Amino acid sequence: MSKGIRIYMSIINTRGTAPLPLPHKIGSKVSVRVMFKEEKMKTHLRVFAIVVFILVIGCGSASAYSKQNTQSVFVNLDGVPRMVTTDAQTVGDLLEELSATIDTEYLLEDFSETDTVTDSMTISLTSVTEKIVATTNVVPYKTIEKASGELNPGERRVVQEGQEGQTSIVNKEVYHGSSLVGSELVEKKVITNAVDEIIEVGASNVIAGMTYKKAINAKVTAYTPYDAGCNGITATGATATKGVIAVDPSLIPLGSKVYVPGYGVAIAADTGGAIKGNRIDVCYNTKNEAFSWGVQNVTVYVLA
């Protein structure tokens, strides 16, 4: 076998050392093509090593930059503090980061979303919540007393038992944190109606279902606001109209309710020069009504 000729190819390795010889004999089983194939593979490995080196350097720089821009921020939600570490530039960016952990609507206090995040700053948030609140309210019953001539004076008899009613009320309440800031009626309905209590009261002095404290036999005449000497205004300043009567205040105090059979319940609100003692003047709105009444002797009743 003849002595082969050595072929040297310069290969620059990553450590910067001298070229390495690649001995191959001409005419050996390893062809020149195989030699170049090996060389090409080594070149790819060197390029890969360089790329990895650059990426490692770059990631280290990015990590250092990220650490330089990381801020510690205190976030208070309804007064409960928590510290977060962030590289967000604005308050809005930080709140966006926290949206996954804050599962309620809130109000941003003191800052706006465009404000810059600074180290150790405190951001206060107030939660906004709504509650539907249903309540049942009791409606008290009323007590109605009716005079009865069938009972002895002072005797009382329950004719109808009173029953309380119930209503259902639904409100929507709005809270900022734990403070109620608004309430809106959503629904109100009657569950049961209240039933009045009716009590009969025995009274010796009852007329037309009304209790009276004094009965007076009177001479009753009639007048209108348009009669001579009348100006349409009574002695008490009230308007002279049907339902007003003139009395002698020494017998019937002004302001008293008086039942006049055939006329009805009236208010003693006027006086007159001719109205003395048992004389009473009832007011009508028209002269025809006044003439129809004429002059009558009637027992009138000062109501209790």
C-alpha atoms as a PDB file:
ATOM      1  CA  MET A   1       0.000   0.000   0.000  1.00  0.00           C
ATOM      2  CA  SER A   2       1.499   3.285  -1.098  1.00  0.00           C
ATOM      3  CA  LYS A   3       2.140   6.027   1.362  1.00  0.00           C
ATOM      4  CA  GLY A   4      -0.696   8.538   1.209  1.00  0.00           C
ATOM      5  CA  ILE A   5      -0.507  12.324   0.906  1.00  0.00           C
ATOM      6  CA  ARG A   6      -1.985  14.227   3.852  1.00  0.00           C
ATOM      7  CA  ILE A   7      -4.482  17.048   3.116  1.00  0.00           C
ATOM      8  CA  TYR A   8      -4.826  19.746   5.769  1.00  0.00           C
ATOM      9  CA  MET A   9      -7.967  21.924   6.102  1.00  0.00           C
ATOM     10  CA  SER A  10      -8.002  24.882   8.404  1.00  0.00           C
ATOM     11  CA  ILE A  11     -10.843  24.729  10.924  1.00  0.00           C
ATOM     12  CA  ILE A  12     -11.400  27.588  13.335  1.00  0.00           C
ATOM     13  CA  ASN A  13     -12.781  26.231  16.552  1.00  0.00           C
ATOM     14  CA  THR A  14     -14.752  28.222  19.084  1.00  0.00           C
ATOM     15  CA  ARG A  15     -11.799  28.363  21.503  1.00  0.00           C
ATOM     16  CA  GLY A  16      -9.579  30.238  18.997  1.00  0.00           C
ATOM     17  CA  THR A  17      -6.787  27.623  18.972  1.00  0.00           C
ATOM     18  CA  ALA A  18      -4.598  26.726  15.966  1.00  0.00           C
ATOM     19  CA  PRO A  19      -6.006  24.959  12.913  1.00  0.00           C
ATOM     20  CA  LEU A  20      -6.539  21.269  13.377  1.00  0.00           C
ATOM     21  CA  PRO A  21      -5.262  18.862  10.733  1.00  0.00           C
ATOM     22  CA  LEU A  22      -7.587  16.367   9.171  1.00  0.00           C
ATOM     23  CA  PRO A  23      -5.475  13.477   7.940  1.00  0.00           C
ATOM     24  CA  HIS A  24      -6.834  11.449   5.066  1.00  0.00           C
ATOM     25  CA  LYS A  25      -4.926   9.397   2.600  1.00  0.00           C
ATOM     26  CA  ILE A  26      -5.572   9.764  -1.085  1.00  0.00           C
ATOM     27  CA  GLY A  27      -7.049   6.629  -2.364  1.00  0.00           C
ATOM     28  CA  SER A  28      -8.322   5.597   1.057  1.00  0.00           C
ATOM     29  CA  LYS A  29     -11.884   4.377   1.571  1.00  0.00           C
ATOM     30  CA  VAL A  30     -12.891   7.800   2.937  1.00  0.00           C
ATOM     31  CA  SER A  31     -13.464   9.972  -0.065  1.00  0.00           C
ATOM     32  CA  VAL A  32     -13.029  13.699  -0.400  1.00  0.00           C
ATOM     33  CA  ARG A  33     -16.815  14.004  -0.557  1.00  0.00           C
ATOM     34  CA  VAL A  34     -17.128  12.483   2.862  1.00  0.00           C
ATOM     35  CA  MET A  35     -14.496  14.874   4.165  1.00  0.00           C
ATOM     36  CA  PHE A  36     -16.449  17.890   3.018  1.00  0.00           C
ATOM     37  CA  LYS A  37     -19.619  16.458   4.423  1.00  0.00           C
ATOM     38  CA  GLU A  38     -18.021  16.199   7.844  1.00  0.00           C
ATOM     39  CA  GLU A  39     -16.693  19.723   7.543  1.00  0.00           C
ATOM     40  CA  LYS A  40     -20.127  21.093   6.659  1.00  0.00           C
ATOM     41  CA  MET A  41     -21.641  19.437   9.732  1.00  0.00           C
ATOM     42  CA  LYS A  42     -19.011  20.945  12.004  1.00  0.00           C
ATOM     43  CA  THR A  43     -19.694  24.377  10.490  1.00  0.00           C
ATOM     44  CA  HIS A  44     -23.388  24.025  11.345  1.00  0.00           C
ATOM     45  CA  LEU A  45     -22.515  23.091  14.883  1.00  0.00           C
ATOM     46  CA  ARG A  46     -20.337  26.218  15.231  1.00  0.00           C
ATOM     47  CA  VAL A  47     -23.161  28.437  13.907  1.00  0.00           C
ATOM     48  CA  PHE A  48     -25.634  26.809  16.318  1.00  0.00           C
ATOM     49  CA  ALA A  49     -23.267  27.424  19.233  1.00  0.00           C
ATOM     50  CA  ILE A  50     -22.940  31.096  18.280  1.00  0.00           C
ATOM     51  CA  VAL A  51     -26.757  31.527  18.040  1.00  0.00           C
ATOM     52  CA  VAL A  52     -27.265  29.906  21.431  1.00  0.00           C
ATOM     53  CA  PHE A  53     -24.616  32.183  22.907  1.00  0.00           C
ATOM     54  CA  ILE A  54     -26.346  35.283  21.506  1.00  0.00           C
ATOM     55  CA  LEU A  55     -29.772  34.150  22.810  1.00  0.00           C
ATOM     56  CA  VAL A  56     -28.354  33.503  26.275  1.00  0.00           C
ATOM     57  CA  ILE A  57     -26.774  36.954  26.339  1.00  0.00           C
ATOM     58  CA  GLY A  58     -30.006  38.544  25.077  1.00  0.00           C
ATOM     59  CA  CYS A  59     -32.248  36.765  27.574  1.00  0.00           C
ATOM     60  CA  GLY A  60     -29.965  37.740  30.389  1.00  0.00           C
ATOM     61  CA  SER A  61     -30.138  41.389  29.320  1.00  0.00           C
ATOM     62  CA  ALA A  62     -33.943  41.257  28.948  1.00  0.00           C
ATOM     63  CA  SER A  63     -34.271  39.656  32.375  1.00  0.00           C
ATOM     64  CA  ALA A  64     -32.054  42.325  33.898  1.00  0.00           C
ATOM     65  CA  TYR A  65     -34.120  45.023  32.175  1.00  0.00           C
ATOM     66  CA  SER A  66     -37.355  43.446  33.384  1.00  0.00           C
ATOM     67  CA  LYS A  67     -36.059  43.306  36.952  1.00  0.00           C
ATOM     68  CA  GLN A  68     -35.005  46.916  36.744  1.00  0.00           C
ATOM     69  CA  ASN A  69     -38.613  47.954  35.772  1.00  0.00           C
ATOM     70  CA  THR A  70     -40.513  45.769  38.260  1.00  0.00           C
ATOM     71  CA  GLN A  71     -42.487  47.742  40.874  1.00  0.00           C
ATOM     72  CA  SER A  72     -44.003  46.671  44.188  1.00  0.00           C
ATOM     73  CA  VAL A  73     -47.502  48.135  44.511  1.00  0.00           C
ATOM     74  CA  PHE A  74     -50.051  47.936  47.334  1.00  0.00           C
ATOM     75  CA  VAL A  75     -53.643  47.390  46.194  1.00  0.00           C
ATOM     76  CA  ASN A  76     -56.407  47.926  48.769  1.00  0.00           C
ATOM     77  CA  LEU A  77     -59.796  46.418  47.891  1.00  0.00           C
ATOM     78  CA  ASP A  78     -62.440  47.599  50.382  1.00  0.00           C
ATOM     79  CA  GLY A  79     -59.637  48.350  52.837  1.00  0.00           C
ATOM     80  CA  VAL A  80     -58.016  44.898  52.593  1.00  0.00           C
ATOM     81  CA  PRO A  81     -54.387  45.356  51.418  1.00  0.00           C
ATOM     82  CA  ARG A  82     -52.367  43.085  49.155  1.00  0.00           C
ATOM     83  CA  MET A  83     -48.963  43.605  47.627  1.00  0.00           C
ATOM     84  CA  VAL A  84     -48.400  42.834  43.958  1.00  0.00           C
ATOM     85  CA  THR A  85     -45.250  42.903  41.858  1.00  0.00           C
ATOM     86  CA  THR A  86     -45.743  44.286  38.358  1.00  0.00           C
ATOM     87  CA  ASP A  87     -43.940  45.734  35.390  1.00  0.00           C
ATOM     88  CA  ALA A  88     -47.109  47.558  34.256  1.00  0.00           C
ATOM     89  CA  GLN A  89     -46.448  51.125  33.180  1.00  0.00           C
ATOM     90  CA  THR A  90     -49.873  52.640  34.028  1.00  0.00           C
ATOM     91  CA  VAL A  91     -52.554  52.049  36.632  1.00  0.00           C
ATOM     92  CA  GLY A  92     -54.892  50.899  33.875  1.00  0.00           C
ATOM     93  CA  ASP A  93     -52.377  48.273  32.751  1.00  0.00           C
ATOM     94  CA  LEU A  94     -52.046  47.030  36.333  1.00  0.00           C
ATOM     95  CA  LEU A  95     -55.821  46.756  36.758  1.00  0.00           C
ATOM     96  CA  GLU A  96     -55.970  44.805  33.512  1.00  0.00           C
ATOM     97  CA  GLU A  97     -53.433  42.358  34.958  1.00  0.00           C
ATOM     98  CA  LEU A  98     -55.519  42.007  38.116  1.00  0.00           C
ATOM     99  CA  SER A  99     -58.840  41.542  36.280  1.00  0.00           C
ATOM    100  CA  ALA A 100     -58.510  37.765  36.527  1.00  0.00           C
ATOM    101  CA  THR A 101     -58.297  37.857  40.334  1.00  0.00           C
ATOM    102  CA  ILE A 102     -60.711  40.732  41.071  1.00  0.00           C
ATOM    103  CA  ASP A 103     -64.096  39.292  40.147  1.00  0.00           C
ATOM    104  CA  THR A 104     -66.263  42.319  40.979  1.00  0.00           C
ATOM    105  CA  GLU A 105     -66.913  45.805  39.662  1.00  0.00           C
ATOM    106  CA  TYR A 106     -65.065  48.531  41.522  1.00  0.00           C
ATOM    107  CA  LEU A 107     -64.417  52.250  41.776  1.00  0.00           C
ATOM    108  CA  LEU A 108     -60.843  53.517  41.395  1.00  0.00           C
ATOM    109  CA  GLU A 109     -60.043  55.985  44.172  1.00  0.00           C
ATOM    110  CA  ASP A 110     -57.396  58.767  44.125  1.00  0.00           C
ATOM    111  CA  PHE A 111     -55.816  57.795  40.781  1.00  0.00           C
ATOM    112  CA  SER A 112     -56.855  57.618  37.134  1.00  0.00           C
ATOM    113  CA  GLU A 113     -56.070  54.721  34.796  1.00  0.00           C
ATOM    114  CA  THR A 114     -53.572  56.869  32.891  1.00  0.00           C
ATOM    115  CA  ASP A 115     -51.432  57.600  35.958  1.00  0.00           C
ATOM    116  CA  THR A 116     -47.952  56.083  35.987  1.00  0.00           C
ATOM    117  CA  VAL A 117     -47.231  53.166  38.315  1.00  0.00           C
ATOM    118  CA  THR A 118     -44.514  53.972  40.847  1.00  0.00           C
ATOM    119  CA  ASP A 119     -42.775  51.773  43.373  1.00  0.00           C
ATOM    120  CA  SER A 120     -44.544  51.403  46.762  1.00  0.00           C
ATOM    121  CA  MET A 121     -47.615  53.338  45.605  1.00  0.00           C
ATOM    122  CA  THR A 122     -50.993  52.448  47.168  1.00  0.00           C
ATOM    123  CA  ILE A 123     -54.039  52.041  44.924  1.00  0.00           C
ATOM    124  CA  SER A 124     -57.425  51.949  46.640  1.00  0.00           C
ATOM    125  CA  LEU A 125     -60.406  50.194  45.062  1.00  0.00           C
ATOM    126  CA  THR A 126     -64.007  50.159  46.305  1.00  0.00           C
ATOM    127  CA  SER A 127     -66.207  47.287  45.201  1.00  0.00           C
ATOM    128  CA  VAL A 128     -69.612  47.994  43.647  1.00  0.00           C
ATOM    129  CA  THR A 129     -72.221  45.307  44.307  1.00  0.00           C
ATOM    130  CA  GLU A 130     -75.976  44.972  43.894  1.00  0.00           C
ATOM    131  CA  LYS A 131     -78.290  42.918  46.078  1.00  0.00           C
ATOM    132  CA  ILE A 132     -81.929  41.953  45.599  1.00  0.00           C
ATOM    133  CA  VAL A 133     -83.594  42.130  49.025  1.00  0.00           C
ATOM    134  CA  ALA A 134     -87.111  40.859  49.668  1.00  0.00           C
ATOM    135  CA  THR A 135     -88.969  41.828  52.857  1.00  0.00           C
ATOM    136  CA  THR A 136     -92.437  41.181  54.230  1.00  0.00           C
ATOM    137  CA  ASN A 137     -94.085  44.105  56.037  1.00  0.00           C
ATOM    138  CA  VAL A 138     -96.985  43.977  58.467  1.00  0.00           C
ATOM    139  CA  VAL A 139     -99.909  46.322  57.768  1.00  0.00           C
ATOM    140  CA  PRO A 140    -101.700  47.229  61.041  1.00  0.00           C
ATOM    141  CA  TYR A 141    -105.479  47.131  61.155  1.00  0.00           C
ATOM    142  CA  LYS A 142    -107.668  50.096  62.054  1.00  0.00           C
ATOM    143  CA  THR A 143    -110.095  50.228  64.978  1.00  0.00           C
ATOM    144  CA  ILE A 144    -113.481  51.747  64.262  1.00  0.00           C
ATOM    145  CA  GLU A 145    -115.885  52.612  67.064  1.00  0.00           C
ATOM    146  CA  LYS A 146    -119.602  52.918  66.451  1.00  0.00           C
ATOM    147  CA  ALA A 147    -122.167  54.253  68.862  1.00  0.00           C
ATOM    148  CA  SER A 148    -124.917  51.802  69.776  1.00  0.00           C
ATOM    149  CA  GLY A 149    -128.195  52.423  71.544  1.00  0.00           C
ATOM    150  CA  GLU A 150    -128.474  48.735  72.339  1.00  0.00           C
ATOM    151  CA  LEU A 151    -125.617  48.831  74.866  1.00  0.00           C
ATOM    152  CA  ASN A 152    -125.403  50.458  78.254  1.00  0.00           C
ATOM    153  CA  PRO A 153    -123.339  53.663  78.444  1.00  0.00           C
ATOM    154  CA  GLY A 154    -119.619  52.782  78.437  1.00  0.00           C
ATOM    155  CA  GLU A 155    -120.240  49.167  77.429  1.00  0.00           C
ATOM    156  CA  ARG A 156    -118.163  47.943  74.491  1.00  0.00           C
ATOM    157  CA  ARG A 157    -118.731  45.032  72.123  1.00  0.00           C
ATOM    158  CA  VAL A 158    -116.385  43.769  69.427  1.00  0.00           C
ATOM    159  CA  VAL A 159    -118.431  43.249  66.289  1.00  0.00           C
ATOM    160  CA  GLN A 160    -115.508  42.350  64.015  1.00  0.00           C
ATOM    161  CA  GLU A 161    -112.046  41.173  64.971  1.00  0.00           C
ATOM    162  CA  GLY A 162    -109.169  43.094  63.414  1.00  0.00           C
ATOM    163  CA  GLN A 163    -106.567  41.279  61.368  1.00  0.00           C
ATOM    164  CA  GLU A 164    -103.165  42.524  60.270  1.00  0.00           C
ATOM    165  CA  GLY A 165    -102.322  42.501  56.583  1.00  0.00           C
ATOM    166  CA  GLN A 166     -99.039  41.721  54.837  1.00  0.00           C
ATOM    167  CA  THR A 167     -97.208  43.238  51.904  1.00  0.00           C
ATOM    168  CA  SER A 168     -94.188  41.899  50.039  1.00  0.00           C
ATOM    169  CA  ILE A 169     -91.528  44.427  48.984  1.00  0.00           C
ATOM    170  CA  VAL A 170     -88.557  43.680  46.723  1.00  0.00           C
ATOM    171  CA  ASN A 171     -85.753  46.268  46.540  1.00  0.00           C
ATOM    172  CA  LYS A 172     -82.523  46.422  44.565  1.00  0.00           C
ATOM    173  CA  GLU A 173     -79.805  47.750  46.856  1.00  0.00           C
ATOM    174  CA  VAL A 174     -76.470  49.163  45.659  1.00  0.00           C
ATOM    175  CA  TYR A 175     -73.405  48.972  47.911  1.00  0.00           C
ATOM    176  CA  HIS A 176     -70.032  50.697  47.683  1.00  0.00           C
ATOM    177  CA  GLY A 177     -67.926  48.417  49.810  1.00  0.00           C
ATOM    178  CA  SER A 178     -70.110  47.750  52.831  1.00  0.00           C
ATOM    179  CA  SER A 179     -72.018  51.065  52.606  1.00  0.00           C
ATOM    180  CA  LEU A 180     -75.551  51.174  51.193  1.00  0.00           C
ATOM    181  CA  VAL A 181     -75.653  54.035  48.672  1.00  0.00           C
ATOM    182  CA  GLY A 182     -78.956  53.453  46.899  1.00  0.00           C
ATOM    183  CA  SER A 183     -82.170  51.459  46.936  1.00  0.00           C
ATOM    184  CA  GLU A 184     -84.715  51.033  44.147  1.00  0.00           C
ATOM    185  CA  LEU A 185     -88.189  49.531  44.499  1.00  0.00           C
ATOM    186  CA  VAL A 186     -88.516  46.562  42.166  1.00  0.00           C
ATOM    187  CA  GLU A 187     -91.872  45.139  43.255  1.00  0.00           C
ATOM    188  CA  LYS A 188     -94.560  45.692  45.870  1.00  0.00           C
ATOM    189  CA  LYS A 189     -97.618  43.515  46.233  1.00  0.00           C
ATOM    190  CA  VAL A 190    -100.307  42.838  48.817  1.00  0.00           C
ATOM    191  CA  ILE A 191    -100.206  39.339  50.278  1.00  0.00           C
ATOM    192  CA  THR A 192    -103.229  39.803  52.570  1.00  0.00           C
ATOM    193  CA  ASN A 193    -105.402  42.859  53.192  1.00  0.00           C
ATOM    194  CA  ALA A 194    -105.852  44.215  56.706  1.00  0.00           C
ATOM    195  CA  VAL A 195    -109.301  43.797  58.273  1.00  0.00           C
ATOM    196  CA  ASP A 196    -110.676  46.640  60.408  1.00  0.00           C
ATOM    197  CA  GLU A 197    -111.641  46.014  64.007  1.00  0.00           C
ATOM    198  CA  ILE A 198    -115.176  47.240  64.646  1.00  0.00           C
ATOM    199  CA  ILE A 199    -116.299  47.985  68.184  1.00  0.00           C
ATOM    200  CA  GLU A 200    -119.751  49.107  69.263  1.00  0.00           C
ATOM    201  CA  VAL A 201    -119.825  51.537  72.175  1.00  0.00           C
ATOM    202  CA  GLY A 202    -122.882  51.927  74.342  1.00  0.00           C
ATOM    203  CA  ALA A 203    -124.095  55.519  74.604  1.00  0.00           C
ATOM    204  CA  SER A 204    -127.224  56.939  76.133  1.00  0.00           C
ATOM    205  CA  ASN A 205    -127.134  59.948  73.827  1.00  0.00           C
ATOM    206  CA  VAL A 206    -127.286  58.639  70.257  1.00  0.00           C
ATOM    207  CA  ILE A 207    -129.071  60.232  67.315  1.00  0.00           C
ATOM    208  CA  ALA A 208    -128.872  58.960  63.730  1.00  0.00           C
ATOM    209  CA  GLY A 209    -125.919  56.792  64.765  1.00  0.00           C
ATOM    210  CA  MET A 210    -124.076  59.800  66.259  1.00  0.00           C
ATOM    211  CA  THR A 211    -123.314  60.446  69.912  1.00  0.00           C
ATOM    212  CA  TYR A 212    -124.333  63.865  71.185  1.00  0.00           C
ATOM    213  CA  LYS A 213    -123.591  65.693  74.404  1.00  0.00           C
ATOM    214  CA  LYS A 214    -126.389  68.231  74.409  1.00  0.00           C
ATOM    215  CA  ALA A 215    -129.904  68.438  72.950  1.00  0.00           C
ATOM    216  CA  ILE A 216    -131.485  71.890  72.482  1.00  0.00           C
ATOM    217  CA  ASN A 217    -135.016  72.749  71.468  1.00  0.00           C
ATOM    218  CA  ALA A 218    -134.449  75.629  69.082  1.00  0.00           C
ATOM    219  CA  LYS A 219    -136.248  77.959  66.742  1.00  0.00           C
ATOM    220  CA  VAL A 220    -134.469  77.519  63.453  1.00  0.00           C
ATOM    221  CA  THR A 221    -134.610  80.031  60.609  1.00  0.00           C
ATOM    222  CA  ALA A 222    -132.639  80.160  57.319  1.00  0.00           C
ATOM    223  CA  TYR A 223    -130.506  82.744  55.490  1.00  0.00           C
ATOM    224  CA  THR A 224    -128.250  83.086  52.422  1.00  0.00           C
ATOM    225  CA  PRO A 225    -124.907  84.801  51.899  1.00  0.00           C
ATOM    226  CA  TYR A 226    -126.768  87.384  49.777  1.00  0.00           C
ATOM    227  CA  ASP A 227    -129.226  88.577  52.430  1.00  0.00           C
ATOM    228  CA  ALA A 228    -129.119  92.218  53.523  1.00  0.00           C
ATOM    229  CA  GLY A 229    -126.351  92.792  56.047  1.00  0.00           C
ATOM    230  CA  CYS A 230    -124.401  89.672  54.872  1.00  0.00           C
ATOM    231  CA  ASN A 231    -121.094  89.820  53.013  1.00  0.00           C
ATOM    232  CA  GLY A 232    -120.536  86.093  52.490  1.00  0.00           C
ATOM    233  CA  ILE A 233    -117.997  85.827  55.343  1.00  0.00           C
ATOM    234  CA  THR A 234    -118.922  84.429  58.743  1.00  0.00           C
ATOM    235  CA  ALA A 235    -117.922  85.712  62.166  1.00  0.00           C
ATOM    236  CA  THR A 236    -115.119  83.133  62.291  1.00  0.00           C
ATOM    237  CA  GLY A 237    -113.798  84.104  58.840  1.00  0.00           C
ATOM    238  CA  ALA A 238    -115.215  81.034  57.097  1.00  0.00           C
ATOM    239  CA  THR A 239    -117.223  81.329  53.882  1.00  0.00           C
ATOM    240  CA  ALA A 240    -120.966  81.402  54.402  1.00  0.00           C
ATOM    241  CA  THR A 241    -122.318  78.329  52.592  1.00  0.00           C
ATOM    242  CA  LYS A 242    -124.593  75.349  53.164  1.00  0.00           C
ATOM    243  CA  GLY A 243    -123.348  73.446  56.212  1.00  0.00           C
ATOM    244  CA  VAL A 244    -122.672  76.607  58.269  1.00  0.00           C
ATOM    245  CA  ILE A 245    -125.039  77.790  60.995  1.00  0.00           C
ATOM    246  CA  ALA A 246    -125.227  80.905  63.137  1.00  0.00           C
ATOM    247  CA  VAL A 247    -125.596  80.335  66.894  1.00  0.00           C
ATOM    248  CA  ASP A 248    -125.445  82.075  70.226  1.00  0.00           C
ATOM    249  CA  PRO A 249    -121.874  81.247  71.406  1.00  0.00           C
ATOM    250  CA  SER A 250    -122.981  81.335  75.016  1.00  0.00           C
ATOM    251  CA  LEU A 251    -125.225  78.339  74.318  1.00  0.00           C
ATOM    252  CA  ILE A 252    -123.334  76.548  71.534  1.00  0.00           C
ATOM    253  CA  PRO A 253    -119.574  77.205  71.329  1.00  0.00           C
ATOM    254  CA  LEU A 254    -118.271  78.284  67.935  1.00  0.00           C
ATOM    255  CA  GLY A 255    -116.610  75.395  66.095  1.00  0.00           C
ATOM    256  CA  SER A 256    -119.052  72.827  67.474  1.00  0.00           C
ATOM    257  CA  LYS A 257    -120.570  70.179  65.226  1.00  0.00           C
ATOM    258  CA  VAL A 258    -124.357  70.333  65.394  1.00  0.00           C
ATOM    259  CA  TYR A 259    -126.857  67.892  63.948  1.00  0.00           C
ATOM    260  CA  VAL A 260    -130.004  69.633  62.731  1.00  0.00           C
ATOM    261  CA  PRO A 261    -132.702  67.121  61.685  1.00  0.00           C
ATOM    262  CA  GLY A 262    -133.889  67.918  58.166  1.00  0.00           C
ATOM    263  CA  TYR A 263    -130.712  69.942  57.454  1.00  0.00           C
ATOM    264  CA  GLY A 264    -127.850  67.671  58.397  1.00  0.00           C
ATOM    265  CA  VAL A 265    -124.561  68.012  60.270  1.00  0.00           C
ATOM    266  CA  ALA A 266    -123.365  71.619  60.380  1.00  0.00           C
ATOM    267  CA  ILE A 267    -120.553  73.708  61.878  1.00  0.00           C
ATOM    268  CA  ALA A 268    -121.342  76.501  64.301  1.00  0.00           C
ATOM    269  CA  ALA A 269    -119.255  79.184  62.585  1.00  0.00           C
ATOM    270  CA  ASP A 270    -121.400  82.322  62.489  1.00  0.00           C
ATOM    271  CA  THR A 271    -123.277  84.686  64.807  1.00  0.00           C
ATOM    272  CA  GLY A 272    -125.929  87.324  64.291  1.00  0.00           C
ATOM    273  CA  GLY A 273    -127.518  90.243  66.061  1.00  0.00           C
ATOM    274  CA  ALA A 274    -130.893  88.470  66.218  1.00  0.00           C
ATOM    275  CA  ILE A 275    -129.412  85.079  67.096  1.00  0.00           C
ATOM    276  CA  LYS A 276    -129.802  84.871  70.874  1.00  0.00           C
ATOM    277  CA  GLY A 277    -130.502  81.952  73.196  1.00  0.00           C
ATOM    278  CA  ASN A 278    -132.270  79.087  71.475  1.00  0.00           C
ATOM    279  CA  ARG A 279    -132.377  80.801  68.099  1.00  0.00           C
ATOM    280  CA  ILE A 280    -130.372  79.208  65.250  1.00  0.00           C
ATOM    281  CA  ASP A 281    -129.948  80.368  61.637  1.00  0.00           C
ATOM    282  CA  VAL A 282    -128.984  77.738  58.998  1.00  0.00           C
ATOM    283  CA  CYS A 283    -127.270  78.881  55.800  1.00  0.00           C
ATOM    284  CA  TYR A 284    -128.424  77.886  52.297  1.00  0.00           C
ATOM    285  CA  ASN A 285    -126.835  78.770  48.972  1.00  0.00           C
ATOM    286  CA  THR A 286    -130.055  79.886  47.279  1.00  0.00           C
ATOM    287  CA  LYS A 287    -133.071  81.952  48.368  1.00  0.00           C
ATOM    288  CA  ASN A 288    -135.460  79.220  47.200  1.00  0.00           C
ATOM    289  CA  GLU A 289    -133.878  76.732  49.636  1.00  0.00           C
ATOM    290  CA  ALA A 290    -134.001  79.285  52.432  1.00  0.00           C
ATOM    291  CA  PHE A 291    -137.682  80.082  51.721  1.00  0.00           C
ATOM    292  CA  SER A 292    -138.489  76.373  51.610  1.00  0.00           C
ATOM    293  CA  TRP A 293    -137.031  75.922  55.094  1.00  0.00           C
ATOM    294  CA  GLY A 294    -138.954  78.826  56.504  1.00  0.00           C
ATOM    295  CA  VAL A 295    -139.114  78.795  60.325  1.00  0.00           C
ATOM    296  CA  GLN A 296    -139.114  75.503  62.206  1.00  0.00           C
ATOM    297  CA  ASN A 297    -139.009  74.428  65.833  1.00  0.00           C
ATOM    298  CA  VAL A 298    -136.450  71.629  65.906  1.00  0.00           C
ATOM    299  CA  THR A 299    -134.473  69.750  68.525  1.00  0.00           C
ATOM    300  CA  VAL A 300    -130.843  70.180  67.532  1.00  0.00           C
ATOM    301  CA  TYR A 301    -127.958  68.083  68.883  1.00  0.00           C
ATOM    302  CA  VAL A 302    -124.467  69.267  69.785  1.00  0.00           C
ATOM    303  CA  LEU A 303    -122.343  66.286  68.834  1.00  0.00           C
ATOM    304  CA  ALA A 304    -119.700  64.780  71.074  1.00  0.00           C
END
